[in-house]
Amino acid sequence: MTDRTERAILAGGCFWGMQDLVRRMPGVISTR
């Protein structure tokens, strides 16, 4: 395994609902 991070920019209709779903996904370090 390498020490590499990647960034994804996502948009959803209900921001707070989407942020909570994405935050719980494996490998996600942070959301804001």
Protein backbone atom coordinates (compact mmCIF):
# COMPACT_ATOMS: atom_id res chain seq x y z
CA MET A 1 0.00 0.00 0.00
CA THR A 2 1.29 3.47 -0.84
CA ASP A 3 0.92 6.67 1.17
CA ARG A 4 -1.12 8.44 -1.50
CA THR A 5 -4.26 10.52 -1.20
CA GLU A 6 -6.58 11.70 -3.93
CA ARG A 7 -9.23 14.42 -3.88
CA ALA A 8 -12.77 14.15 -5.18
CA ILE A 9 -15.20 17.05 -5.47
CA LEU A 10 -18.83 15.91 -5.28
CA ALA A 11 -22.11 17.79 -5.38
CA GLY A 12 -25.54 16.66 -4.19
CA GLY A 13 -29.02 18.09 -3.80
CA CYS A 14 -29.14 17.95 0.00
CA PHE A 15 -25.61 18.89 1.05
CA TRP A 16 -25.77 17.80 4.69
CA GLY A 17 -27.36 14.44 3.82
CA MET A 18 -24.74 13.74 1.15
CA GLN A 19 -21.87 14.76 3.40
CA ASP A 20 -22.93 12.28 6.08
CA LEU A 21 -23.23 9.44 3.54
CA VAL A 22 -19.83 10.14 1.99
CA ARG A 23 -18.16 10.54 5.41
CA ARG A 24 -19.12 6.93 6.26
CA MET A 25 -17.58 5.40 3.11
CA PRO A 26 -14.42 3.29 3.52
CA GLY A 27 -11.27 5.24 2.74
CA VAL A 28 -12.78 8.71 3.23
CA ILE A 29 -10.49 10.80 5.42
CA SER A 30 -12.58 13.96 5.71
CA THR A 31 -15.53 15.90 4.31
CA ARG A 32 -16.45 19.56 4.54
